[in-house]
Structure formats: C-alpha cells, structure tokens
Amino acid sequence: VQMTHGEMSIFHRHDPEGESGALFSAANILEPGSFDIDKMVGFSTPGIVLFLRLPSSRPGLEVFEEMIRVGRALAEALGGELCDEARSTLSGQTIAHLRERIRNFEGTSAHA
C-alpha cells in the first residue's frame, strides 16, 4: 500500500500520473488524527480513517474504488476489519450506497 506521510501528519495516496494533491488520505481514528512518524515502531491504534474529497483530479468513482482496494489491503495487512462511518462492517450494500452518493455529487447517471 503506497501512501506518503505528509501534510497534517497523516498519510496520503497521490495520483501516480503526477496530478497535484492527494486522491485520498488516512488519519488516525484517535484525536488529533495524526501519526508521529518518529514513533511508528510499536505504534498501535484502534482504527484508521480513510477519506477522500470531491471533486478530485480523477473521477470520484475511480478514486473511491482505489480507496476501497487500499482499505481492504490495509485491513488484511494489519489484521483489521474494513468498516463504515458507523463502525459497522462495510457491506456490499453500503459500498453501493456510497457509489450512488458519489454519482449524485458528480451529477452522473446511476446507470453510467
């Protein structure tokens, strides 16, 4: 999982095609949300929050799918579970709802 520690002391996934800005970011679930890069050995947290901002340098659904893929990889690598904003297991139904929200935000057809 390629994410870079940077602005706001959190991790960011940047567009591999060189577009500016982060596609999505990962913050510590515990306030203030940052990661002290000098204290990562032995670091532990009950959760990591992945989030994206729209509009993005790439289509929102494309960025969302990449964020879900990275989230699944992180959950597997860290022995965790991918959850929604209510901290319930992220279901296919929830993912479909989030896709619909992105489509609505971007003003595209639900059947595109």
PDB file of N, CA and C in Angstrom:
ATOM      1  N   VAL A   1       0.865  -1.176   0.000  1.00  0.00           N
ATOM      2  CA  VAL A   1       0.000   0.000   0.000  1.00  0.00           C
ATOM      3  C   VAL A   1       0.906   1.231   0.000  1.00  0.00           C
ATOM      4  N   GLN A   2       0.878   1.974  -1.081  1.00  0.00           N
ATOM      5  CA  GLN A   2       1.755   3.138  -1.194  1.00  0.00           C
ATOM      6  C   GLN A   2       1.020   4.405  -0.797  1.00  0.00           C
ATOM      7  N   MET A   3       1.339   4.844   0.408  1.00  0.00           N
ATOM      8  CA  MET A   3       0.822   6.120   0.898  1.00  0.00           C
ATOM      9  C   MET A   3       2.004   6.864   1.492  1.00  0.00           C
ATOM     10  N   THR A   4       1.960   8.173   1.388  1.00  0.00           N
ATOM     11  CA  THR A   4       3.065   9.009   1.824  1.00  0.00           C
ATOM     12  C   THR A   4       2.658   9.836   3.031  1.00  0.00           C
ATOM     13  N   HIS A   5       3.529   9.847   4.054  1.00  0.00           N
ATOM     14  CA  HIS A   5       3.285  10.688   5.225  1.00  0.00           C
ATOM     15  C   HIS A   5       3.553  12.125   4.805  1.00  0.00           C
ATOM     16  N   GLY A   6       2.626  13.011   5.142  1.00  0.00           N
ATOM     17  CA  GLY A   6       2.807  14.391   4.693  1.00  0.00           C
ATOM     18  C   GLY A   6       1.959  15.379   5.443  1.00  0.00           C
ATOM     19  N   GLU A   7       1.309  16.257   4.683  1.00  0.00           N
ATOM     20  CA  GLU A   7       0.518  17.351   5.232  1.00  0.00           C
ATOM     21  C   GLU A   7      -0.403  16.863   6.352  1.00  0.00           C
ATOM     22  N   MET A   8      -0.476  17.636   7.417  1.00  0.00           N
ATOM     23  CA  MET A   8      -1.281  17.361   8.608  1.00  0.00           C
ATOM     24  C   MET A   8      -0.800  16.123   9.379  1.00  0.00           C
ATOM     25  N   SER A   9       0.406  15.646   9.069  1.00  0.00           N
ATOM     26  CA  SER A   9       0.993  14.456   9.704  1.00  0.00           C
ATOM     27  C   SER A   9       0.101  13.227   9.565  1.00  0.00           C
ATOM     28  N   ILE A  10      -0.542  13.117   8.384  1.00  0.00           N
ATOM     29  CA  ILE A  10      -1.309  11.919   8.056  1.00  0.00           C
ATOM     30  C   ILE A  10      -0.764  11.347   6.757  1.00  0.00           C
ATOM     31  N   PHE A  11      -1.285  10.209   6.332  1.00  0.00           N
ATOM     32  CA  PHE A  11      -0.825   9.565   5.110  1.00  0.00           C
ATOM     33  C   PHE A  11      -1.750   9.893   3.949  1.00  0.00           C
ATOM     34  N   HIS A  12      -1.148  10.033   2.751  1.00  0.00           N
ATOM     35  CA  HIS A  12      -1.900  10.405   1.561  1.00  0.00           C
ATOM     36  C   HIS A  12      -1.552   9.480   0.402  1.00  0.00           C
ATOM     37  N   ARG A  13      -2.568   9.189  -0.404  1.00  0.00           N
ATOM     38  CA  ARG A  13      -2.357   8.445  -1.651  1.00  0.00           C
ATOM     39  C   ARG A  13      -2.417   9.475  -2.765  1.00  0.00           C
ATOM     40  N   HIS A  14      -1.314   9.602  -3.494  1.00  0.00           N
ATOM     41  CA  HIS A  14      -1.237  10.578  -4.578  1.00  0.00           C
ATOM     42  C   HIS A  14      -1.476   9.905  -5.916  1.00  0.00           C
ATOM     43  N   ASP A  15      -1.903  10.678  -6.874  1.00  0.00           N
ATOM     44  CA  ASP A  15      -2.153  10.185  -8.219  1.00  0.00           C
ATOM     45  C   ASP A  15      -0.827   9.749  -8.836  1.00  0.00           C
ATOM     46  N   PRO A  16      -0.709   8.470  -9.237  1.00  0.00           N
ATOM     47  CA  PRO A  16       0.547   8.011  -9.842  1.00  0.00           C
ATOM     48  C   PRO A  16       0.859   8.698 -11.170  1.00  0.00           C
ATOM     49  N   GLU A  17      -0.136   9.335 -11.772  1.00  0.00           N
ATOM     50  CA  GLU A  17       0.079  10.044 -13.042  1.00  0.00           C
ATOM     51  C   GLU A  17       0.567  11.463 -12.821  1.00  0.00           C
ATOM     52  N   GLY A  18       0.868  11.806 -11.566  1.00  0.00           N
ATOM     53  CA  GLY A  18       1.508  13.076 -11.271  1.00  0.00           C
ATOM     54  C   GLY A  18       0.595  14.258 -11.052  1.00  0.00           C
ATOM     55  N   GLU A  19      -0.720  14.054 -11.041  1.00  0.00           N
ATOM     56  CA  GLU A  19      -1.623  15.169 -10.759  1.00  0.00           C
ATOM     57  C   GLU A  19      -1.359  15.672  -9.349  1.00  0.00           C
ATOM     58  N   SER A  20      -1.585  16.941  -9.120  1.00  0.00           N
ATOM     59  CA  SER A  20      -1.313  17.510  -7.803  1.00  0.00           C
ATOM     60  C   SER A  20      -2.394  17.112  -6.809  1.00  0.00           C
ATOM     61  N   GLY A  21      -2.031  17.118  -5.548  1.00  0.00           N
ATOM     62  CA  GLY A  21      -2.978  16.838  -4.475  1.00  0.00           C
ATOM     63  C   GLY A  21      -3.150  15.363  -4.212  1.00  0.00           C
ATOM     64  N   ALA A  22      -3.744  15.074  -3.066  1.00  0.00           N
ATOM     65  CA  ALA A  22      -3.976  13.692  -2.657  1.00  0.00           C
ATOM     66  C   ALA A  22      -5.289  13.195  -3.240  1.00  0.00           C
ATOM     67  N   LEU A  23      -5.299  11.934  -3.645  1.00  0.00           N
ATOM     68  CA  LEU A  23      -6.542  11.304  -4.081  1.00  0.00           C
ATOM     69  C   LEU A  23      -7.406  10.991  -2.865  1.00  0.00           C
ATOM     70  N   PHE A  24      -6.762  10.435  -1.828  1.00  0.00           N
ATOM     71  CA  PHE A  24      -7.430  10.167  -0.564  1.00  0.00           C
ATOM     72  C   PHE A  24      -6.376  10.109   0.526  1.00  0.00           C
ATOM     73  N   SER A  25      -6.835  10.111   1.764  1.00  0.00           N
ATOM     74  CA  SER A  25      -5.917  10.192   2.897  1.00  0.00           C
ATOM     75  C   SER A  25      -6.303   9.197   3.976  1.00  0.00           C
ATOM     76  N   ALA A  26      -5.362   8.941   4.888  1.00  0.00           N
ATOM     77  CA  ALA A  26      -5.586   8.052   6.029  1.00  0.00           C
ATOM     78  C   ALA A  26      -5.154   8.786   7.293  1.00  0.00           C
ATOM     79  N   ALA A  27      -6.083   8.870   8.238  1.00  0.00           N
ATOM     80  CA  ALA A  27      -5.806   9.529   9.511  1.00  0.00           C
ATOM     81  C   ALA A  27      -6.025   8.543  10.645  1.00  0.00           C
ATOM     82  N   ASN A  28      -5.388   8.821  11.768  1.00  0.00           N
ATOM     83  CA  ASN A  28      -5.580   8.032  12.986  1.00  0.00           C
ATOM     84  C   ASN A  28      -6.988   8.298  13.503  1.00  0.00           C
ATOM     85  N   ILE A  29      -7.697   7.263  13.917  1.00  0.00           N
ATOM     86  CA  ILE A  29      -9.056   7.465  14.425  1.00  0.00           C
ATOM     87  C   ILE A  29      -9.053   8.220  15.761  1.00  0.00           C
ATOM     88  N   LEU A  30      -7.916   8.166  16.451  1.00  0.00           N
ATOM     89  CA  LEU A  30      -7.793   8.875  17.726  1.00  0.00           C
ATOM     90  C   LEU A  30      -7.360  10.316  17.477  1.00  0.00           C
ATOM     91  N   GLU A  31      -7.964  11.241  18.198  1.00  0.00           N
ATOM     92  CA  GLU A  31      -7.589  12.649  18.058  1.00  0.00           C
ATOM     93  C   GLU A  31      -6.152  12.843  18.478  1.00  0.00           C
ATOM     94  N   PRO A  32      -5.412  13.685  17.800  1.00  0.00           N
ATOM     95  CA  PRO A  32      -5.860  14.646  16.783  1.00  0.00           C
ATOM     96  C   PRO A  32      -5.893  14.075  15.361  1.00  0.00           C
ATOM     97  N   GLY A  33      -5.700  12.780  15.216  1.00  0.00           N
ATOM     98  CA  GLY A  33      -5.783  12.161  13.901  1.00  0.00           C
ATOM     99  C   GLY A  33      -4.449  11.984  13.206  1.00  0.00           C
ATOM    100  N   SER A  34      -3.406  12.501  13.789  1.00  0.00           N
ATOM    101  CA  SER A  34      -2.097  12.473  13.147  1.00  0.00           C
ATOM    102  C   SER A  34      -1.311  11.218  13.519  1.00  0.00           C
ATOM    103  N   PHE A  35      -0.231  11.013  12.779  1.00  0.00           N
ATOM    104  CA  PHE A  35       0.713   9.931  13.031  1.00  0.00           C
ATOM    105  C   PHE A  35       2.079  10.573  13.241  1.00  0.00           C
ATOM    106  N   ASP A  36       2.706  10.293  14.383  1.00  0.00           N
ATOM    107  CA  ASP A  36       4.061  10.789  14.641  1.00  0.00           C
ATOM    108  C   ASP A  36       5.021   9.817  13.975  1.00  0.00           C
ATOM    109  N   ILE A  37       5.545  10.207  12.833  1.00  0.00           N
ATOM    110  CA  ILE A  37       6.382   9.325  12.020  1.00  0.00           C
ATOM    111  C   ILE A  37       7.612   8.845  12.785  1.00  0.00           C
ATOM    112  N   ASP A  38       8.083   9.619  13.765  1.00  0.00           N
ATOM    113  CA  ASP A  38       9.250   9.224  14.549  1.00  0.00           C
ATOM    114  C   ASP A  38       8.914   8.196  15.624  1.00  0.00           C
ATOM    115  N   LYS A  39       7.627   7.923  15.838  1.00  0.00           N
ATOM    116  CA  LYS A  39       7.203   6.975  16.880  1.00  0.00           C
ATOM    117  C   LYS A  39       6.368   5.836  16.304  1.00  0.00           C
ATOM    118  N   MET A  40       6.611   5.476  15.054  1.00  0.00           N
ATOM    119  CA  MET A  40       5.804   4.444  14.416  1.00  0.00           C
ATOM    120  C   MET A  40       6.184   3.027  14.854  1.00  0.00           C
ATOM    121  N   VAL A  41       7.422   2.813  15.304  1.00  0.00           N
ATOM    122  CA  VAL A  41       7.815   1.490  15.796  1.00  0.00           C
ATOM    123  C   VAL A  41       7.025   1.212  17.066  1.00  0.00           C
ATOM    124  N   GLY A  42       6.272   0.140  17.056  1.00  0.00           N
ATOM    125  CA  GLY A  42       5.458  -0.215  18.212  1.00  0.00           C
ATOM    126  C   GLY A  42       4.164   0.575  18.317  1.00  0.00           C
ATOM    127  N   PHE A  43       3.871   1.406  17.324  1.00  0.00           N
ATOM    128  CA  PHE A  43       2.662   2.218  17.336  1.00  0.00           C
ATOM    129  C   PHE A  43       1.428   1.330  17.235  1.00  0.00           C
ATOM    130  N   SER A  44       0.386   1.721  17.913  1.00  0.00           N
ATOM    131  CA  SER A  44      -0.875   0.990  17.873  1.00  0.00           C
ATOM    132  C   SER A  44      -2.024   1.985  17.934  1.00  0.00           C
ATOM    133  N   THR A  45      -3.102   1.658  17.235  1.00  0.00           N
ATOM    134  CA  THR A  45      -4.314   2.481  17.252  1.00  0.00           C
ATOM    135  C   THR A  45      -5.511   1.567  17.028  1.00  0.00           C
ATOM    136  N   PRO A  46      -6.665   1.914  17.562  1.00  0.00           N
ATOM    137  CA  PRO A  46      -7.838   1.068  17.330  1.00  0.00           C
ATOM    138  C   PRO A  46      -8.422   1.219  15.926  1.00  0.00           C
ATOM    139  N   GLY A  47      -7.963   2.224  15.181  1.00  0.00           N
ATOM    140  CA  GLY A  47      -8.510   2.387  13.848  1.00  0.00           C
ATOM    141  C   GLY A  47      -7.840   3.451  13.027  1.00  0.00           C
ATOM    142  N   ILE A  48      -8.029   3.328  11.722  1.00  0.00           N
ATOM    143  CA  ILE A  48      -7.530   4.290  10.744  1.00  0.00           C
ATOM    144  C   ILE A  48      -8.730   4.717   9.902  1.00  0.00           C
ATOM    145  N   VAL A  49      -8.847   5.988   9.643  1.00  0.00           N
ATOM    146  CA  VAL A  49      -9.939   6.523   8.841  1.00  0.00           C
ATOM    147  C   VAL A  49      -9.416   6.856   7.450  1.00  0.00           C
ATOM    148  N   LEU A  50     -10.051   6.296   6.430  1.00  0.00           N
ATOM    149  CA  LEU A  50      -9.732   6.648   5.048  1.00  0.00           C
ATOM    150  C   LEU A  50     -10.809   7.600   4.555  1.00  0.00           C
ATOM    151  N   PHE A  51     -10.388   8.658   3.880  1.00  0.00           N
ATOM    152  CA  PHE A  51     -11.360   9.617   3.372  1.00  0.00           C
ATOM    153  C   PHE A  51     -10.862  10.250   2.088  1.00  0.00           C
ATOM    154  N   LEU A  52     -11.823  10.705   1.280  1.00  0.00           N
ATOM    155  CA  LEU A  52     -11.483  11.409   0.047  1.00  0.00           C
ATOM    156  C   LEU A  52     -12.316  12.667  -0.037  1.00  0.00           C
ATOM    157  N   ARG A  53     -11.808  13.601  -0.798  1.00  0.00           N
ATOM    158  CA  ARG A  53     -12.517  14.866  -1.032  1.00  0.00           C
ATOM    159  C   ARG A  53     -12.885  14.938  -2.496  1.00  0.00           C
ATOM    160  N   LEU A  54     -14.102  15.358  -2.732  1.00  0.00           N
ATOM    161  CA  LEU A  54     -14.577  15.547  -4.097  1.00  0.00           C
ATOM    162  C   LEU A  54     -14.848  17.019  -4.324  1.00  0.00           C
ATOM    163  N   PRO A  55     -14.640  17.537  -5.510  1.00  0.00           N
ATOM    164  CA  PRO A  55     -14.121  16.841  -6.674  1.00  0.00           C
ATOM    165  C   PRO A  55     -12.630  16.539  -6.516  1.00  0.00           C
ATOM    166  N   SER A  56     -12.177  15.610  -7.319  1.00  0.00           N
ATOM    167  CA  SER A  56     -10.794  15.142  -7.284  1.00  0.00           C
ATOM    168  C   SER A  56     -10.164  15.362  -8.656  1.00  0.00           C
ATOM    169  N   SER A  57      -8.867  15.085  -8.747  1.00  0.00           N
ATOM    170  CA  SER A  57      -8.184  15.211 -10.034  1.00  0.00           C
ATOM    171  C   SER A  57      -8.579  14.080 -10.981  1.00  0.00           C
ATOM    172  N   ARG A  58      -9.215  13.055 -10.441  1.00  0.00           N
ATOM    173  CA  ARG A  58      -9.715  11.923 -11.233  1.00  0.00           C
ATOM    174  C   ARG A  58     -11.191  11.727 -10.913  1.00  0.00           C
ATOM    175  N   PRO A  59     -11.915  10.968 -11.718  1.00  0.00           N
ATOM    176  CA  PRO A  59     -13.332  10.725 -11.430  1.00  0.00           C
ATOM    177  C   PRO A  59     -13.531  10.129 -10.026  1.00  0.00           C
ATOM    178  N   GLY A  60     -14.553  10.636  -9.329  1.00  0.00           N
ATOM    179  CA  GLY A  60     -14.808  10.234  -7.952  1.00  0.00           C
ATOM    180  C   GLY A  60     -14.956   8.740  -7.757  1.00  0.00           C
ATOM    181  N   LEU A  61     -15.681   8.065  -8.652  1.00  0.00           N
ATOM    182  CA  LEU A  61     -15.857   6.615  -8.503  1.00  0.00           C
ATOM    183  C   LEU A  61     -14.539   5.871  -8.656  1.00  0.00           C
ATOM    184  N   GLU A  62     -13.694   6.353  -9.537  1.00  0.00           N
ATOM    185  CA  GLU A  62     -12.374   5.742  -9.732  1.00  0.00           C
ATOM    186  C   GLU A  62     -11.539   5.870  -8.457  1.00  0.00           C
ATOM    187  N   VAL A  63     -11.555   7.045  -7.865  1.00  0.00           N
ATOM    188  CA  VAL A  63     -10.802   7.276  -6.628  1.00  0.00           C
ATOM    189  C   VAL A  63     -11.398   6.439  -5.494  1.00  0.00           C
ATOM    190  N   PHE A  64     -12.727   6.385  -5.402  1.00  0.00           N
ATOM    191  CA  PHE A  64     -13.395   5.601  -4.375  1.00  0.00           C
ATOM    192  C   PHE A  64     -13.011   4.124  -4.477  1.00  0.00           C
ATOM    193  N   GLU A  65     -13.024   3.564  -5.689  1.00  0.00           N
ATOM    194  CA  GLU A  65     -12.665   2.151  -5.870  1.00  0.00           C
ATOM    195  C   GLU A  65     -11.229   1.896  -5.438  1.00  0.00           C
ATOM    196  N   GLU A  66     -10.335   2.825  -5.747  1.00  0.00           N
ATOM    197  CA  GLU A  66      -8.938   2.695  -5.314  1.00  0.00           C
ATOM    198  C   GLU A  66      -8.853   2.760  -3.790  1.00  0.00           C
ATOM    199  N   MET A  67      -9.626   3.656  -3.169  1.00  0.00           N
ATOM    200  CA  MET A  67      -9.618   3.777  -1.715  1.00  0.00           C
ATOM    201  C   MET A  67     -10.143   2.489  -1.064  1.00  0.00           C
ATOM    202  N   ILE A  68     -11.186   1.901  -1.620  1.00  0.00           N
ATOM    203  CA  ILE A  68     -11.710   0.632  -1.088  1.00  0.00           C
ATOM    204  C   ILE A  68     -10.658  -0.463  -1.221  1.00  0.00           C
ATOM    205  N   ARG A  69      -9.990  -0.517  -2.370  1.00  0.00           N
ATOM    206  CA  ARG A  69      -8.942  -1.530  -2.584  1.00  0.00           C
ATOM    207  C   ARG A  69      -7.819  -1.378  -1.551  1.00  0.00           C
ATOM    208  N   VAL A  70      -7.375  -0.147  -1.337  1.00  0.00           N
ATOM    209  CA  VAL A  70      -6.319   0.120  -0.359  1.00  0.00           C
ATOM    210  C   VAL A  70      -6.819  -0.194   1.051  1.00  0.00           C
ATOM    211  N   GLY A  71      -8.061   0.163   1.347  1.00  0.00           N
ATOM    212  CA  GLY A  71      -8.628  -0.139   2.658  1.00  0.00           C
ATOM    213  C   GLY A  71      -8.646  -1.629   2.935  1.00  0.00           C
ATOM    214  N   ARG A  72      -9.043  -2.414   1.946  1.00  0.00           N
ATOM    215  CA  ARG A  72      -9.058  -3.884   2.103  1.00  0.00           C
ATOM    216  C   ARG A  72      -7.642  -4.413   2.315  1.00  0.00           C
ATOM    217  N   ALA A  73      -6.688  -3.872   1.554  1.00  0.00           N
ATOM    218  CA  ALA A  73      -5.292  -4.308   1.699  1.00  0.00           C
ATOM    219  C   ALA A  73      -4.757  -3.951   3.089  1.00  0.00           C
ATOM    220  N   LEU A  74      -5.081  -2.754   3.572  1.00  0.00           N
ATOM    221  CA  LEU A  74      -4.651  -2.357   4.917  1.00  0.00           C
ATOM    222  C   LEU A  74      -5.281  -3.249   5.980  1.00  0.00           C
ATOM    223  N   ALA A  75      -6.571  -3.511   5.860  1.00  0.00           N
ATOM    224  CA  ALA A  75      -7.264  -4.355   6.827  1.00  0.00           C
ATOM    225  C   ALA A  75      -6.625  -5.737   6.877  1.00  0.00           C
ATOM    226  N   GLU A  76      -6.315  -6.278   5.709  1.00  0.00           N
ATOM    227  CA  GLU A  76      -5.688  -7.604   5.666  1.00  0.00           C
ATOM    228  C   GLU A  76      -4.286  -7.568   6.263  1.00  0.00           C
ATOM    229  N   ALA A  77      -3.497  -6.578   5.883  1.00  0.00           N
ATOM    230  CA  ALA A  77      -2.110  -6.484   6.360  1.00  0.00           C
ATOM    231  C   ALA A  77      -2.036  -6.245   7.863  1.00  0.00           C
ATOM    232  N   LEU A  78      -3.001  -5.513   8.400  1.00  0.00           N
ATOM    233  CA  LEU A  78      -2.967  -5.149   9.817  1.00  0.00           C
ATOM    234  C   LEU A  78      -3.853  -6.042  10.691  1.00  0.00           C
ATOM    235  N   GLY A  79      -4.502  -7.021  10.074  1.00  0.00           N
ATOM    236  CA  GLY A  79      -5.381  -7.898  10.834  1.00  0.00           C
ATOM    237  C   GLY A  79      -6.614  -7.174  11.347  1.00  0.00           C
ATOM    238  N   GLY A  80      -7.096  -6.233  10.550  1.00  0.00           N
ATOM    239  CA  GLY A  80      -8.246  -5.435  10.952  1.00  0.00           C
ATOM    240  C   GLY A  80      -9.467  -5.737  10.124  1.00  0.00           C
ATOM    241  N   GLU A  81     -10.430  -4.867  10.209  1.00  0.00           N
ATOM    242  CA  GLU A  81     -11.696  -5.024   9.518  1.00  0.00           C
ATOM    243  C   GLU A  81     -12.060  -3.693   8.865  1.00  0.00           C
ATOM    244  N   LEU A  82     -12.561  -3.747   7.649  1.00  0.00           N
ATOM    245  CA  LEU A  82     -12.980  -2.544   6.945  1.00  0.00           C
ATOM    246  C   LEU A  82     -14.399  -2.208   7.391  1.00  0.00           C
ATOM    247  N   CYS A  83     -14.572  -0.988   7.913  1.00  0.00           N
ATOM    248  CA  CYS A  83     -15.863  -0.571   8.470  1.00  0.00           C
ATOM    249  C   CYS A  83     -16.345   0.715   7.821  1.00  0.00           C
ATOM    250  N   ASP A  84     -17.641   0.995   8.014  1.00  0.00           N
ATOM    251  CA  ASP A  84     -18.226   2.239   7.520  1.00  0.00           C
ATOM    252  C   ASP A  84     -18.121   3.323   8.585  1.00  0.00           C
ATOM    253  N   GLU A  85     -18.723   4.486   8.319  1.00  0.00           N
ATOM    254  CA  GLU A  85     -18.610   5.606   9.259  1.00  0.00           C
ATOM    255  C   GLU A  85     -19.284   5.337  10.600  1.00  0.00           C
ATOM    256  N   ALA A  86     -20.166   4.337  10.663  1.00  0.00           N
ATOM    257  CA  ALA A  86     -20.812   3.963  11.924  1.00  0.00           C
ATOM    258  C   ALA A  86     -20.047   2.835  12.624  1.00  0.00           C
ATOM    259  N   ARG A  87     -18.889   2.488  12.086  1.00  0.00           N
ATOM    260  CA  ARG A  87     -18.021   1.430  12.606  1.00  0.00           C
ATOM    261  C   ARG A  87     -18.662   0.044  12.526  1.00  0.00           C
ATOM    262  N   SER A  88     -19.543  -0.129  11.547  1.00  0.00           N
ATOM    263  CA  SER A  88     -20.117  -1.436  11.237  1.00  0.00           C
ATOM    264  C   SER A  88     -19.334  -2.010  10.062  1.00  0.00           C
ATOM    265  N   THR A  89     -19.279  -3.338   9.971  1.00  0.00           N
ATOM    266  CA  THR A  89     -18.574  -3.966   8.862  1.00  0.00           C
ATOM    267  C   THR A  89     -19.085  -3.397   7.544  1.00  0.00           C
ATOM    268  N   LEU A  90     -18.163  -3.011   6.687  1.00  0.00           N
ATOM    269  CA  LEU A  90     -18.513  -2.412   5.401  1.00  0.00           C
ATOM    270  C   LEU A  90     -19.111  -3.486   4.497  1.00  0.00           C
ATOM    271  N   SER A  91     -20.379  -3.347   4.178  1.00  0.00           N
ATOM    272  CA  SER A  91     -21.085  -4.329   3.367  1.00  0.00           C
ATOM    273  C   SER A  91     -21.117  -3.886   1.908  1.00  0.00           C
ATOM    274  N   GLY A  92     -21.450  -4.836   1.040  1.00  0.00           N
ATOM    275  CA  GLY A  92     -21.629  -4.525  -0.366  1.00  0.00           C
ATOM    276  C   GLY A  92     -22.729  -3.493  -0.557  1.00  0.00           C
ATOM    277  N   GLN A  93     -23.771  -3.570   0.266  1.00  0.00           N
ATOM    278  CA  GLN A  93     -24.878  -2.625   0.183  1.00  0.00           C
ATOM    279  C   GLN A  93     -24.405  -1.212   0.533  1.00  0.00           C
ATOM    280  N   THR A  94     -23.564  -1.100   1.566  1.00  0.00           N
ATOM    281  CA  THR A  94     -23.042   0.213   1.953  1.00  0.00           C
ATOM    282  C   THR A  94     -22.136   0.772   0.857  1.00  0.00           C
ATOM    283  N   ILE A  95     -21.312  -0.079   0.275  1.00  0.00           N
ATOM    284  CA  ILE A  95     -20.441   0.358  -0.818  1.00  0.00           C
ATOM    285  C   ILE A  95     -21.289   0.856  -1.987  1.00  0.00           C
ATOM    286  N   ALA A  96     -22.357   0.137  -2.318  1.00  0.00           N
ATOM    287  CA  ALA A  96     -23.244   0.565  -3.410  1.00  0.00           C
ATOM    288  C   ALA A  96     -23.874   1.918  -3.079  1.00  0.00           C
ATOM    289  N   HIS A  97     -24.279   2.116  -1.833  1.00  0.00           N
ATOM    290  CA  HIS A  97     -24.865   3.398  -1.417  1.00  0.00           C
ATOM    291  C   HIS A  97     -23.842   4.534  -1.552  1.00  0.00           C
ATOM    292  N   LEU A  98     -22.613   4.272  -1.149  1.00  0.00           N
ATOM    293  CA  LEU A  98     -21.568   5.297  -1.256  1.00  0.00           C
ATOM    294  C   LEU A  98     -21.281   5.630  -2.723  1.00  0.00           C
ATOM    295  N   ARG A  99     -21.286   4.599  -3.581  1.00  0.00           N
ATOM    296  CA  ARG A  99     -21.112   4.858  -5.020  1.00  0.00           C
ATOM    297  C   ARG A  99     -22.222   5.762  -5.543  1.00  0.00           C
ATOM    298  N   GLU A 100     -23.449   5.487  -5.103  1.00  0.00           N
ATOM    299  CA  GLU A 100     -24.594   6.300  -5.538  1.00  0.00           C
ATOM    300  C   GLU A 100     -24.446   7.746  -5.068  1.00  0.00           C
ATOM    301  N   ARG A 101     -23.970   7.931  -3.850  1.00  0.00           N
ATOM    302  CA  ARG A 101     -23.750   9.286  -3.337  1.00  0.00           C
ATOM    303  C   ARG A 101     -22.723  10.022  -4.181  1.00  0.00           C
ATOM    304  N   ILE A 102     -21.679   9.321  -4.604  1.00  0.00           N
ATOM    305  CA  ILE A 102     -20.651   9.937  -5.449  1.00  0.00           C
ATOM    306  C   ILE A 102     -21.250  10.292  -6.803  1.00  0.00           C
ATOM    307  N   ARG A 103     -22.019   9.372  -7.383  1.00  0.00           N
ATOM    308  CA  ARG A 103     -22.672   9.664  -8.674  1.00  0.00           C
ATOM    309  C   ARG A 103     -23.559  10.897  -8.559  1.00  0.00           C
ATOM    310  N   ASN A 104     -24.339  10.961  -7.496  1.00  0.00           N
ATOM    311  CA  ASN A 104     -25.230  12.104  -7.298  1.00  0.00           C
ATOM    312  C   ASN A 104     -24.430  13.392  -7.133  1.00  0.00           C
ATOM    313  N   PHE A 105     -23.334  13.333  -6.388  1.00  0.00           N
ATOM    314  CA  PHE A 105     -22.499  14.517  -6.191  1.00  0.00           C
ATOM    315  C   PHE A 105     -21.932  15.002  -7.514  1.00  0.00           C
ATOM    316  N   GLU A 106     -21.482  14.056  -8.322  1.00  0.00           N
ATOM    317  CA  GLU A 106     -20.858  14.433  -9.589  1.00  0.00           C
ATOM    318  C   GLU A 106     -21.870  14.655 -10.707  1.00  0.00           C
ATOM    319  N   GLY A 107     -23.151  14.391 -10.413  1.00  0.00           N
ATOM    320  CA  GLY A 107     -24.193  14.666 -11.393  1.00  0.00           C
ATOM    321  C   GLY A 107     -24.222  13.704 -12.556  1.00  0.00           C
ATOM    322  N   THR A 108     -23.774  12.453 -12.324  1.00  0.00           N
ATOM    323  CA  THR A 108     -23.789  11.459 -13.395  1.00  0.00           C
ATOM    324  C   THR A 108     -24.965  10.516 -13.203  1.00  0.00           C
ATOM    325  N   SER A 109     -25.291   9.797 -14.238  1.00  0.00           N
ATOM    326  CA  SER A 109     -26.382   8.840 -14.196  1.00  0.00           C
ATOM    327  C   SER A 109     -26.018   7.651 -13.330  1.00  0.00           C
ATOM    328  N   ALA A 110     -26.987   7.143 -12.586  1.00  0.00           N
ATOM    329  CA  ALA A 110     -26.777   5.961 -11.737  1.00  0.00           C
ATOM    330  C   ALA A 110     -26.487   4.729 -12.575  1.00  0.00           C
ATOM    331  N   HIS A 111     -26.774   4.780 -13.892  1.00  0.00           N
ATOM    332  CA  HIS A 111     -26.556   3.613 -14.746  1.00  0.00           C
ATOM    333  C   HIS A 111     -25.355   3.792 -15.670  1.00  0.00           C
ATOM    334  N   ALA A 112     -24.554   4.791 -15.407  1.00  0.00           N
ATOM    335  CA  ALA A 112     -23.395   5.055 -16.278  1.00  0.00           C
ATOM    336  C   ALA A 112     -22.321   4.015 -16.092  1.00  0.00           C
TER     337      ALA A 112
END
